[in-house]
Amino acid sequence: MKIFKYHHHCRPQILGTLLLNHFRGECPSISVRIGSKQCFSTHPEDQHMTEFMEYLDSLKNYEKLGVPKGAGTDSDDGFDLGRMRRLMERLGNPQSKFKAIHIAGTKGKGSTAAFLSNILRAEGYSFGCYTSPHIETIRERISLGRSGEMVSGKALNSLFKRNKEFFDQSVELENGRISHFEVLTAMAFLLFAQENVDLAVIEAGLGGARDATNIICSSGLAAAVITSIGEEHMAALGGSLESIATAKAGIIKRGCPAILGGPFLPSIERILRDKALSMSSPVISASGPGNRSTIKGVSLLNGGICQCCDVVIQIDDEFIELLDVNLRMLGHHQLQNAATATCVILALRNLGWRISDASVRSGLEQTFLVGRSHFLPAKEAGVLGLPGATILLDGAHTKDSAKALVDTIQMAFPEARLALVVAMASDKDHIGFAREFLQGGKLESIVLTEAHIGGGKSRTTSAVFLRDCWIQASNELGIPISLETKDAPVSFTSKLENRPVLTTETSLLHAIKVAAEILKQRTEGRQGLVVVTGSLHAVSMVLSFLHS
């Protein structure tokens, strides 16, 4: 049931008020569904895979420890892809038993994978999807079958026990160097082969060339997709945008279509196209003049926000036109991800796959990812002790994703004042991230806090260090802020020449309450939005608390 629809000629202030009222619980509550699944459920299945999880925890986990310098480059410092190939040989090379779409990119990999998976499900294919990281349970990383449900704990544990001797052999013969991600990737590929999927959607973990997922040969690759190139994992990927592009271009295989998302800097696109040319791989660009997709407005639909879009793609003689597509993934960057996924579908059609326009529309509209533009319903805000608050969770953690989040908020809530709650990993561009939000304006407060990264503390950035980064960004931009400390408290009700309040809290949940209180006192009944961001791990902590 469509509640309200906004187009460019309507007043955005009216829309923002309606949306905020809805998430405060002042509009009728309608349950939100993700694809075909109700959100959220607890995970009793996890108790059935204790043996597998204990084994994973015994292995080196770079998500928790951080990635070594140069590990993602195609060089002597890079991860040993031969180690992964030897492991797969012991397991019978399951990756050779299905076709795959391989996705790399700085941002947009998970969203593009989700769009593609839902399109394939809508068409009736049996498919597998492997992504990372997860939010609440590691089983989220692997979905399969015609329904696209996440793998069960029993299935994971059973498969692990049947193959444990091969994992043990590899750990011993590789001198203990087999990693958490390598074993999990191998398990996903074993499951896809066992399920006999028609097609698997595989998200690379880091870079591309030396990533554990890059064992798919050209005969098994349906398409290689590179969504974007940005400044993340710089040290691990060679230290420059050019080296990052080179690493990610490593997934392009001889004769297989290469789909480029973008938009890219000309020098970066040249690196990607040169790699495709050297591999005799046809290139389809989602950023060329053939992409005439647009956002027409924002809607409330079936209890959630969506953006009404036209998805119009023409590549040579291939053409698809989908008007008034209601995307639940918000922002111009998500429209670009949807366009990239649509370009992949055009490539698959050229290869003989039957995928209708109706399935593309259905798949795009059904896609929603937890922790990306994720509004908590009024009931869950109440569980946090904040009845009536509007709370947005988004795992943005780079300066590019911060800008995308700012733009999305301004599109949906043009008049809303913001209270940020920020926790980040240690290997991110903290100052660049801060600059995007400071320049975006409408900030009432920034509460800096801490979150465990990958289940551990080794990559956690202290709230005090983040505070220093935000102060530096503020000084560089000439945008004044008011620093709140125990020794120098700030009156939250004072506007202080419209300066946002900057403060720190070591507890994430308490930080959200502090942010909401500052917002309530300073906005005096006007539109306000609490935004928890900086890391998917912070989002995970909030959701785990809510659903425990």
Protein backbone atom coordinates (compact mmCIF):
# COMPACT_ATOMS: atom_id res chain seq x y z
CA MET A 1 0.00 0.00 0.00
CA LYS A 2 1.55 3.30 -1.05
CA ILE A 3 1.16 5.89 1.71
CA PHE A 4 2.76 8.98 0.20
CA LYS A 5 4.74 9.81 -2.86
CA TYR A 6 7.02 12.75 -3.51
CA HIS A 7 8.30 14.05 -6.83
CA HIS A 8 10.55 16.99 -7.62
CA HIS A 9 7.69 19.48 -7.85
CA CYS A 10 6.49 18.63 -4.31
CA ARG A 11 7.77 20.26 -1.14
CA PRO A 12 10.54 18.07 0.35
CA GLN A 13 9.84 19.45 3.84
CA ILE A 14 6.42 17.73 3.81
CA LEU A 15 7.99 14.41 2.86
CA GLY A 16 10.67 14.66 5.53
CA THR A 17 8.07 15.31 8.21
CA LEU A 18 5.94 12.35 7.11
CA LEU A 19 8.92 10.02 7.02
CA LEU A 20 10.16 11.06 10.45
CA ASN A 21 6.68 10.76 11.92
CA HIS A 22 6.42 7.28 10.45
CA PHE A 23 9.62 6.05 12.09
CA ARG A 24 8.68 7.69 15.39
CA GLY A 25 5.60 5.49 15.35
CA GLU A 26 3.19 8.33 14.63
CA CYS A 27 2.04 6.69 11.40
CA PRO A 28 0.52 3.19 11.18
CA SER A 29 3.17 0.54 11.67
CA ILE A 30 3.63 -1.93 8.86
CA SER A 31 6.07 -4.80 9.12
CA VAL A 32 9.12 -4.50 6.89
CA ARG A 33 10.28 -7.46 4.87
CA ILE A 34 13.68 -8.14 3.39
CA GLY A 35 13.21 -10.01 0.13
CA SER A 36 10.89 -12.79 1.20
CA LYS A 37 12.05 -12.87 4.83
CA GLN A 38 10.64 -11.12 7.87
CA CYS A 39 13.17 -9.08 9.85
CA PHE A 40 14.42 -9.86 12.36
CA SER A 41 14.65 -13.34 13.75
CA THR A 42 16.92 -14.80 16.39
CA HIS A 43 19.45 -17.38 15.25
CA PRO A 44 18.88 -20.66 17.09
CA GLU A 45 20.62 -22.40 14.17
CA ASP A 46 23.96 -21.00 15.31
CA GLN A 47 24.08 -23.43 18.23
CA HIS A 48 24.33 -26.27 15.72
CA MET A 49 27.68 -25.13 14.31
CA THR A 50 29.77 -24.77 17.45
CA GLU A 51 32.44 -27.17 16.19
CA PHE A 52 32.84 -25.27 12.92
CA MET A 53 32.98 -21.88 14.65
CA GLU A 54 35.59 -23.09 17.13
CA TYR A 55 37.70 -24.27 14.20
CA LEU A 56 37.37 -20.93 12.41
CA ASP A 57 38.31 -19.09 15.60
CA SER A 58 41.53 -21.10 15.79
CA LEU A 59 42.66 -19.68 12.41
CA LYS A 60 44.21 -16.32 11.59
CA ASN A 61 41.41 -13.78 11.08
CA TYR A 62 42.53 -10.68 9.19
CA GLU A 63 39.15 -9.00 9.69
CA LYS A 64 39.97 -8.97 13.39
CA LEU A 65 43.75 -8.42 13.17
CA GLY A 66 43.99 -6.13 10.14
CA VAL A 67 45.50 -6.90 6.75
CA PRO A 68 49.31 -6.82 6.30
CA LYS A 69 50.89 -4.20 4.07
CA GLY A 70 50.78 -5.20 0.40
CA ALA A 71 48.73 -8.34 1.12
CA GLY A 72 46.21 -7.62 -1.63
CA THR A 73 48.73 -6.78 -4.35
CA ASP A 74 49.86 -9.11 -7.10
CA SER A 75 53.43 -9.10 -5.78
CA ASP A 76 55.81 -10.94 -3.45
CA ASP A 77 54.01 -9.25 -0.53
CA GLY A 78 50.58 -10.48 -1.64
CA PHE A 79 48.59 -13.34 -0.19
CA ASP A 80 49.64 -16.72 -1.58
CA LEU A 81 46.80 -17.66 -3.92
CA GLY A 82 48.60 -20.95 -4.54
CA ARG A 83 47.78 -21.92 -0.96
CA MET A 84 44.06 -21.50 -1.70
CA ARG A 85 44.38 -23.47 -4.93
CA ARG A 86 46.07 -26.35 -3.10
CA LEU A 87 43.31 -26.37 -0.50
CA MET A 88 40.65 -26.48 -3.22
CA GLU A 89 42.45 -29.33 -4.98
CA ARG A 90 42.27 -31.37 -1.77
CA LEU A 91 38.55 -30.63 -1.64
CA GLY A 92 37.98 -31.72 -5.26
CA ASN A 93 37.93 -28.25 -6.86
CA PRO A 94 34.25 -27.49 -6.14
CA GLN A 95 34.63 -24.04 -7.76
CA SER A 96 34.82 -25.77 -11.16
CA LYS A 97 31.31 -27.19 -10.79
CA PHE A 98 29.29 -23.98 -11.18
CA LYS A 99 29.29 -20.72 -13.09
CA ALA A 100 30.07 -17.55 -11.15
CA ILE A 101 29.70 -13.78 -11.25
CA HIS A 102 32.75 -12.36 -9.47
CA ILE A 103 32.43 -8.88 -7.92
CA ALA A 104 35.25 -6.63 -6.73
CA GLY A 105 35.29 -2.94 -5.84
CA THR A 106 35.91 -0.51 -3.02
CA LYS A 107 32.23 0.16 -2.40
CA GLY A 108 29.02 -1.31 -3.77
CA LYS A 109 30.05 -4.98 -3.92
CA GLY A 110 27.53 -6.22 -1.38
CA SER A 111 24.67 -4.14 -2.76
CA THR A 112 25.35 -5.23 -6.34
CA ALA A 113 25.56 -8.86 -5.19
CA ALA A 114 22.22 -8.49 -3.40
CA PHE A 115 20.55 -6.94 -6.46
CA LEU A 116 21.83 -9.76 -8.68
CA SER A 117 20.83 -12.49 -6.23
CA ASN A 118 17.27 -11.22 -5.98
CA ILE A 119 16.97 -10.91 -9.76
CA LEU A 120 18.13 -14.52 -10.18
CA ARG A 121 15.72 -15.66 -7.48
CA ALA A 122 12.85 -13.81 -9.17
CA GLU A 123 13.65 -15.62 -12.42
CA GLY A 124 13.56 -18.98 -10.62
CA TYR A 125 17.23 -19.91 -10.79
CA SER A 126 18.96 -21.89 -8.07
CA PHE A 127 21.85 -19.66 -7.05
CA GLY A 128 24.51 -19.17 -4.41
CA CYS A 129 25.67 -15.89 -2.93
CA TYR A 130 28.86 -15.35 -0.90
CA THR A 131 29.49 -11.96 0.70
CA SER A 132 31.27 -10.37 3.66
CA PRO A 133 31.21 -9.17 6.35
CA HIS A 134 28.14 -10.28 8.28
CA ILE A 135 25.96 -8.33 10.71
CA GLU A 136 24.57 -10.81 13.25
CA THR A 137 25.57 -14.33 12.21
CA ILE A 138 28.30 -15.64 9.95
CA ARG A 139 25.65 -17.68 8.13
CA GLU A 140 24.51 -14.44 6.47
CA ARG A 141 27.59 -14.65 4.24
CA ILE A 142 26.33 -17.76 2.43
CA SER A 143 22.87 -18.04 0.87
CA LEU A 144 21.79 -20.62 -1.67
CA GLY A 145 18.98 -22.47 -3.41
CA ARG A 146 15.95 -21.09 -5.23
CA SER A 147 14.76 -19.23 -2.14
CA GLY A 148 18.11 -17.61 -1.40
CA GLU A 149 17.86 -18.42 2.31
CA MET A 150 21.02 -18.24 4.38
CA VAL A 151 22.70 -21.58 4.99
CA SER A 152 21.61 -23.45 8.11
CA GLY A 153 23.97 -24.07 11.01
CA LYS A 154 23.38 -27.81 10.72
CA ALA A 155 24.33 -27.82 7.04
CA LEU A 156 27.52 -25.86 7.70
CA ASN A 157 28.61 -28.06 10.58
CA SER A 158 27.80 -31.29 8.74
CA LEU A 159 29.76 -30.21 5.67
CA PHE A 160 32.67 -29.12 7.85
CA LYS A 161 32.86 -32.47 9.65
CA ARG A 162 32.86 -34.34 6.33
CA ASN A 163 35.80 -32.27 5.09
CA LYS A 164 37.68 -31.54 8.31
CA GLU A 165 40.49 -33.95 7.47
CA PHE A 166 41.27 -31.95 4.30
CA PHE A 167 41.29 -28.67 6.22
CA ASP A 168 43.57 -30.24 8.84
CA GLN A 169 45.92 -31.47 6.11
CA SER A 170 46.08 -28.00 4.60
CA VAL A 171 46.75 -26.31 7.94
CA GLU A 172 49.61 -28.75 8.58
CA LEU A 173 51.12 -28.68 5.08
CA GLU A 174 50.84 -24.89 4.82
CA ASN A 175 52.56 -24.42 8.20
CA GLY A 176 49.44 -23.00 9.85
CA ARG A 177 48.98 -20.22 7.30
CA ILE A 178 45.46 -21.20 6.24
CA SER A 179 43.18 -18.30 7.21
CA HIS A 180 39.66 -17.90 8.55
CA PHE A 181 38.55 -16.34 5.24
CA GLU A 182 40.12 -19.09 3.12
CA VAL A 183 38.30 -21.86 4.99
CA LEU A 184 35.00 -19.97 4.91
CA THR A 185 35.38 -19.33 1.16
CA ALA A 186 36.13 -23.00 0.57
CA MET A 187 33.02 -23.97 2.57
CA ALA A 188 30.86 -21.64 0.47
CA PHE A 189 32.17 -23.14 -2.77
CA LEU A 190 31.62 -26.67 -1.42
CA LEU A 191 28.02 -25.78 -0.57
CA PHE A 192 27.37 -24.27 -4.01
CA ALA A 193 28.76 -27.37 -5.73
CA GLN A 194 26.76 -29.66 -3.44
CA GLU A 195 23.58 -27.67 -4.13
CA ASN A 196 24.33 -27.77 -7.87
CA VAL A 197 23.50 -24.07 -8.22
CA ASP A 198 22.88 -22.62 -11.66
CA LEU A 199 24.98 -19.56 -10.89
CA ALA A 200 26.94 -18.19 -7.92
CA VAL A 201 27.41 -14.52 -7.03
CA ILE A 202 30.81 -14.15 -5.35
CA GLU A 203 32.00 -11.00 -3.59
CA ALA A 204 35.77 -10.59 -3.29
CA GLY A 205 37.04 -9.96 0.21
CA LEU A 206 40.08 -7.71 -0.39
CA GLY A 207 41.30 -6.38 -3.73
CA GLY A 208 40.89 -9.09 -6.33
CA ALA A 209 44.08 -10.48 -7.80
CA ARG A 210 45.24 -12.20 -4.58
CA ASP A 211 41.89 -12.62 -2.90
CA ALA A 212 40.95 -16.15 -1.86
CA THR A 213 37.86 -15.97 -4.09
CA ASN A 214 40.01 -15.43 -7.21
CA ILE A 215 40.43 -19.12 -7.97
CA ILE A 216 37.63 -19.11 -10.51
CA CYS A 217 39.04 -19.84 -13.96
CA SER A 218 37.79 -18.29 -17.20
CA SER A 219 35.72 -21.35 -18.09
CA GLY A 220 33.77 -20.96 -14.85
CA LEU A 221 33.34 -17.19 -14.94
CA ALA A 222 30.11 -15.77 -16.34
CA ALA A 223 31.12 -12.14 -15.69
CA ALA A 224 33.61 -10.05 -13.72
CA VAL A 225 32.23 -6.91 -12.08
CA ILE A 226 34.20 -3.97 -10.69
CA THR A 227 31.86 -1.60 -8.90
CA SER A 228 34.11 1.28 -7.81
CA ILE A 229 37.68 2.28 -6.98
CA GLY A 230 38.34 4.35 -3.86
CA GLU A 231 40.82 5.00 -1.08
CA GLU A 232 40.29 2.10 1.28
CA HIS A 233 42.80 -0.53 2.45
CA MET A 234 45.44 1.67 0.81
CA ALA A 235 48.46 0.05 2.50
CA ALA A 236 47.22 -3.48 1.81
CA LEU A 237 46.56 -2.67 -1.85
CA GLY A 238 49.74 -0.82 -2.81
CA GLY A 239 49.22 2.74 -1.59
CA SER A 240 47.55 4.44 -4.57
CA LEU A 241 44.32 4.45 -6.53
CA GLU A 242 46.25 3.03 -9.49
CA SER A 243 47.55 0.08 -7.48
CA ILE A 244 44.06 -0.53 -6.06
CA ALA A 245 42.61 -0.55 -9.59
CA THR A 246 45.32 -2.97 -10.72
CA ALA A 247 44.58 -5.32 -7.82
CA LYS A 248 40.84 -5.32 -8.42
CA ALA A 249 41.26 -5.74 -12.18
CA GLY A 250 42.87 -9.08 -11.35
CA ILE A 251 39.45 -10.75 -11.35
CA ILE A 252 39.02 -10.10 -15.10
CA LYS A 253 39.51 -13.39 -16.97
CA ARG A 254 40.25 -14.13 -20.60
CA GLY A 255 37.25 -13.80 -22.89
CA CYS A 256 34.76 -13.16 -20.05
CA PRO A 257 32.62 -10.00 -19.93
CA ALA A 258 33.90 -7.23 -17.65
CA ILE A 259 31.22 -4.94 -16.24
CA LEU A 260 32.47 -1.61 -14.88
CA GLY A 261 30.26 0.23 -12.40
CA GLY A 262 31.90 3.57 -11.68
CA PRO A 263 32.02 6.37 -12.44
CA PHE A 264 35.82 6.20 -12.42
CA LEU A 265 38.57 8.75 -12.87
CA PRO A 266 39.77 8.57 -16.51
CA SER A 267 43.19 7.22 -15.45
CA ILE A 268 41.56 4.50 -13.34
CA GLU A 269 39.10 3.48 -16.05
CA ARG A 270 42.02 3.21 -18.46
CA ILE A 271 43.74 0.70 -16.14
CA LEU A 272 40.58 -1.42 -15.98
CA ARG A 273 39.95 -1.24 -19.72
CA ASP A 274 43.58 -2.04 -20.54
CA LYS A 275 43.35 -5.15 -18.37
CA ALA A 276 40.14 -6.20 -20.12
CA LEU A 277 41.76 -5.57 -23.51
CA SER A 278 44.75 -7.73 -22.58
CA MET A 279 42.30 -10.50 -21.64
CA SER A 280 40.19 -10.07 -24.81
CA SER A 281 37.26 -9.38 -22.49
CA PRO A 282 34.32 -7.30 -23.76
CA VAL A 283 33.61 -4.29 -21.52
CA ILE A 284 30.17 -3.05 -20.48
CA SER A 285 30.15 0.27 -18.65
CA ALA A 286 27.36 1.27 -16.28
CA SER A 287 28.66 4.86 -16.29
CA GLY A 288 28.58 5.57 -20.00
CA PRO A 289 26.00 7.57 -21.93
CA GLY A 290 23.92 4.42 -22.28
CA ASN A 291 22.94 4.66 -18.60
CA ARG A 292 20.07 7.16 -18.41
CA SER A 293 18.79 6.09 -14.99
CA THR A 294 17.36 8.75 -12.67
CA ILE A 295 15.81 9.21 -9.23
CA LYS A 296 12.35 10.77 -9.57
CA GLY A 297 11.38 11.05 -5.92
CA VAL A 298 11.03 9.39 -2.53
CA SER A 299 8.11 7.34 -1.22
CA LEU A 300 6.76 5.57 1.82
CA LEU A 301 5.88 2.09 0.61
CA ASN A 302 4.73 -0.86 2.70
CA GLY A 303 6.09 0.67 5.88
CA GLY A 304 9.52 1.69 4.59
CA ILE A 305 11.23 4.39 2.57
CA CYS A 306 12.00 3.81 -1.09
CA GLN A 307 13.14 5.95 -3.98
CA CYS A 308 11.17 5.95 -7.22
CA CYS A 309 13.58 5.53 -10.13
CA ASP A 310 13.69 5.00 -13.85
CA VAL A 311 16.32 2.38 -14.72
CA VAL A 312 17.15 2.86 -18.38
CA ILE A 313 20.21 1.11 -19.87
CA GLN A 314 21.23 0.82 -23.51
CA ILE A 315 24.44 -1.01 -24.41
CA ASP A 316 24.89 -1.31 -28.18
CA ASP A 317 21.78 -3.17 -29.37
CA GLU A 318 20.78 -4.30 -25.87
CA PHE A 319 18.16 -2.15 -24.17
CA ILE A 320 16.21 -2.29 -20.94
CA GLU A 321 13.75 0.34 -19.70
CA LEU A 322 12.14 -0.01 -16.28
CA LEU A 323 10.04 2.96 -15.23
CA ASP A 324 8.92 3.80 -11.68
CA VAL A 325 11.10 1.18 -9.99
CA ASN A 326 10.75 1.48 -6.20
CA LEU A 327 14.24 0.90 -4.78
CA ARG A 328 14.48 0.30 -1.05
CA MET A 329 18.22 0.85 -1.30
CA LEU A 330 18.49 4.63 -1.01
CA GLY A 331 20.78 7.17 -2.65
CA HIS A 332 22.32 7.90 -6.02
CA HIS A 333 25.08 5.39 -5.28
CA GLN A 334 22.49 2.63 -4.87
CA LEU A 335 20.84 3.59 -8.15
CA GLN A 336 24.29 3.22 -9.70
CA ASN A 337 24.66 -0.22 -8.08
CA ALA A 338 21.25 -1.18 -9.45
CA ALA A 339 22.32 0.01 -12.92
CA THR A 340 25.54 -2.01 -12.61
CA ALA A 341 23.55 -5.13 -11.72
CA THR A 342 21.26 -4.48 -14.69
CA CYS A 343 24.30 -4.28 -16.99
CA VAL A 344 25.40 -7.67 -15.65
CA ILE A 345 21.98 -9.04 -16.59
CA LEU A 346 22.42 -7.71 -20.14
CA ALA A 347 25.77 -9.52 -20.30
CA LEU A 348 24.17 -12.74 -19.06
CA ARG A 349 21.44 -12.47 -21.68
CA ASN A 350 24.14 -12.26 -24.34
CA LEU A 351 25.51 -15.52 -22.96
CA GLY A 352 22.14 -17.23 -23.31
CA TRP A 353 20.70 -16.83 -19.82
CA ARG A 354 16.95 -16.18 -19.82
CA ILE A 355 16.13 -13.29 -17.48
CA SER A 356 13.00 -11.22 -18.07
CA ASP A 357 12.54 -7.51 -17.50
CA ALA A 358 9.87 -8.40 -14.94
CA SER A 359 12.41 -10.41 -12.94
CA VAL A 360 14.89 -7.54 -13.07
CA ARG A 361 12.26 -5.14 -11.73
CA SER A 362 11.14 -7.57 -9.04
CA GLY A 363 14.71 -8.30 -7.93
CA LEU A 364 15.68 -4.64 -7.75
CA GLU A 365 12.57 -3.75 -5.75
CA GLN A 366 12.91 -6.62 -3.28
CA THR A 367 16.51 -5.86 -2.38
CA PHE A 368 17.32 -4.46 1.03
CA LEU A 369 20.51 -4.85 3.06
CA VAL A 370 20.57 -4.69 6.81
CA GLY A 371 22.79 -1.87 8.07
CA ARG A 372 22.60 0.25 4.90
CA SER A 373 20.14 3.17 5.17
CA HIS A 374 18.47 1.07 7.86
CA PHE A 375 15.81 2.85 9.91
CA LEU A 376 14.87 1.28 13.21
CA PRO A 377 11.12 0.85 13.65
CA ALA A 378 9.54 2.71 16.57
CA LYS A 379 9.39 -0.45 18.68
CA GLU A 380 13.15 -1.02 18.44
CA ALA A 381 13.89 2.63 19.25
CA GLY A 382 11.82 2.01 22.37
CA VAL A 383 13.93 -1.03 23.27
CA LEU A 384 16.96 1.27 23.20
CA GLY A 385 15.15 3.48 25.71
CA LEU A 386 14.45 6.16 23.11
CA PRO A 387 10.71 6.14 22.36
CA GLY A 388 9.84 8.62 19.64
CA ALA A 389 13.41 8.91 18.33
CA THR A 390 14.18 8.37 14.64
CA ILE A 391 17.35 6.27 14.39
CA LEU A 392 19.22 5.47 11.18
CA LEU A 393 21.92 2.78 11.03
CA ASP A 394 24.39 2.88 8.16
CA GLY A 395 27.76 1.13 7.96
CA ALA A 396 29.45 3.87 5.90
CA HIS A 397 33.18 3.89 6.76
CA THR A 398 35.01 5.71 3.95
CA LYS A 399 34.91 9.33 2.89
CA ASP A 400 33.07 8.33 -0.31
CA SER A 401 30.43 6.36 1.57
CA ALA A 402 30.13 9.19 4.11
CA LYS A 403 29.39 11.61 1.27
CA ALA A 404 26.85 9.18 -0.17
CA LEU A 405 25.14 8.91 3.22
CA VAL A 406 25.06 12.70 3.64
CA ASP A 407 23.55 13.08 0.17
CA THR A 408 20.95 10.40 0.88
CA ILE A 409 19.88 12.03 4.16
CA GLN A 410 19.61 15.42 2.46
CA MET A 411 17.45 13.87 -0.26
CA ALA A 412 15.05 12.11 2.14
CA PHE A 413 15.16 14.52 5.10
CA PRO A 414 16.17 17.93 3.73
CA GLU A 415 15.23 19.83 6.90
CA ALA A 416 16.33 17.29 9.53
CA ARG A 417 18.95 18.15 12.14
CA LEU A 418 21.45 15.36 12.77
CA ALA A 419 23.06 13.76 15.80
CA LEU A 420 25.91 11.46 14.75
CA VAL A 421 27.17 8.45 16.67
CA VAL A 422 30.49 7.38 15.13
CA ALA A 423 32.70 4.33 15.78
CA MET A 424 35.42 3.30 13.31
CA ALA A 425 38.16 0.79 12.63
CA SER A 426 41.76 1.90 12.99
CA ASP A 427 42.68 1.52 9.31
CA LYS A 428 40.15 4.03 7.93
CA ASP A 429 40.48 7.64 6.76
CA HIS A 430 39.02 9.18 9.91
CA ILE A 431 39.70 12.78 8.92
CA GLY A 432 38.29 12.38 5.40
CA PHE A 433 35.18 10.74 6.89
CA ALA A 434 34.72 13.63 9.34
CA ARG A 435 35.15 16.28 6.63
CA GLU A 436 32.23 14.92 4.61
CA PHE A 437 29.79 15.18 7.53
CA LEU A 438 31.06 18.58 8.67
CA GLN A 439 30.65 19.96 5.16
CA GLY A 440 27.18 18.39 4.91
CA GLY A 441 25.85 20.74 7.58
CA LYS A 442 22.79 20.43 9.86
CA LEU A 443 24.84 18.75 12.62
CA GLU A 444 23.69 19.26 16.19
CA SER A 445 26.12 16.79 17.78
CA ILE A 446 28.84 14.25 17.10
CA VAL A 447 29.21 11.55 19.75
CA LEU A 448 32.38 9.54 19.19
CA THR A 449 32.50 6.03 20.60
CA GLU A 450 34.05 2.59 20.15
CA ALA A 451 33.08 -0.77 18.65
CA HIS A 452 34.82 -4.11 18.49
CA ILE A 453 35.99 -4.77 14.93
CA GLY A 454 35.71 -8.36 13.71
CA GLY A 455 34.90 -9.45 17.25
CA GLY A 456 38.13 -8.06 18.75
CA LYS A 457 39.75 -4.86 19.99
CA SER A 458 42.96 -4.81 17.95
CA ARG A 459 41.43 -2.68 15.14
CA THR A 460 39.23 -0.52 17.35
CA THR A 461 39.85 3.23 17.18
CA SER A 462 39.60 4.96 20.55
CA ALA A 463 36.97 7.65 20.95
CA VAL A 464 39.69 10.08 22.06
CA PHE A 465 41.68 9.52 18.86
CA LEU A 466 38.53 10.03 16.78
CA ARG A 467 37.88 13.26 18.69
CA ASP A 468 41.32 14.57 17.69
CA CYS A 469 40.59 13.69 14.04
CA TRP A 470 37.28 15.57 14.08
CA ILE A 471 38.93 18.59 15.68
CA GLN A 472 41.61 18.55 12.97
CA ALA A 473 38.98 18.26 10.22
CA SER A 474 37.02 21.12 11.81
CA ASN A 475 40.09 23.34 11.90
CA GLU A 476 41.06 22.53 8.31
CA LEU A 477 37.56 23.39 7.07
CA GLY A 478 37.12 26.43 9.28
CA ILE A 479 33.89 24.98 10.66
CA PRO A 480 33.73 25.61 14.43
CA ILE A 481 32.56 22.94 16.87
CA SER A 482 32.01 22.98 20.63
CA LEU A 483 34.06 20.42 22.51
CA GLU A 484 32.32 18.76 25.47
CA THR A 485 34.59 17.18 28.10
CA LYS A 486 34.22 16.33 31.78
CA ASP A 487 36.37 19.34 32.61
CA ALA A 488 34.60 21.63 30.14
CA PRO A 489 30.91 20.68 29.92
CA VAL A 490 28.73 22.32 27.31
CA SER A 491 25.13 23.33 27.82
CA PHE A 492 23.38 21.19 25.21
CA THR A 493 20.46 23.60 25.03
CA SER A 494 22.74 26.47 24.00
CA LYS A 495 23.11 26.85 20.24
CA LEU A 496 26.61 28.34 20.66
CA GLU A 497 26.35 30.14 17.32
CA ASN A 498 24.92 26.96 15.75
CA ARG A 499 28.05 24.98 16.50
CA PRO A 500 27.62 21.20 16.77
CA VAL A 501 28.63 19.62 20.09
CA LEU A 502 31.52 17.13 19.95
CA THR A 503 31.77 14.63 22.79
CA THR A 504 33.01 11.09 23.51
CA GLU A 505 31.50 7.99 25.11
CA THR A 506 33.19 4.60 25.39
CA SER A 507 29.85 2.72 25.40
CA LEU A 508 28.14 2.59 22.01
CA LEU A 509 24.64 2.14 23.42
CA HIS A 510 25.11 4.99 25.90
CA ALA A 511 26.49 7.15 23.06
CA ILE A 512 23.20 6.70 21.16
CA LYS A 513 21.25 7.86 24.21
CA VAL A 514 23.52 10.89 24.66
CA ALA A 515 23.14 11.80 20.97
CA ALA A 516 19.36 11.51 21.17
CA GLU A 517 19.23 13.67 24.31
CA ILE A 518 21.37 16.41 22.78
CA LEU A 519 19.21 16.35 19.65
CA LYS A 520 15.99 16.53 21.66
CA GLN A 521 17.20 19.50 23.69
CA ARG A 522 18.62 21.46 20.78
CA THR A 523 15.94 20.91 18.11
CA GLU A 524 12.94 21.88 20.26
CA GLY A 525 10.48 19.66 18.41
CA ARG A 526 11.86 20.17 14.90
CA GLN A 527 12.89 17.29 12.63
CA GLY A 528 15.77 15.32 14.10
CA LEU A 529 17.63 12.16 13.12
CA VAL A 530 20.11 10.06 15.13
CA VAL A 531 22.61 8.45 12.75
CA VAL A 532 24.80 5.54 13.88
CA THR A 533 27.64 5.13 11.38
CA GLY A 534 31.37 4.62 10.78
CA SER A 535 31.42 0.82 10.78
CA LEU A 536 29.20 -2.15 9.99
CA HIS A 537 30.57 -3.64 13.20
CA ALA A 538 28.97 -0.77 15.16
CA VAL A 539 25.69 -1.46 13.37
CA SER A 540 26.08 -5.13 14.24
CA MET A 541 26.51 -4.33 17.93
CA VAL A 542 23.27 -2.31 17.98
CA LEU A 543 21.27 -4.99 16.16
CA SER A 544 22.73 -7.80 18.27
CA PHE A 545 21.60 -5.95 21.39
CA LEU A 546 18.11 -5.46 19.96
CA HIS A 547 17.68 -9.06 18.88
CA SER A 548 19.43 -10.89 21.70
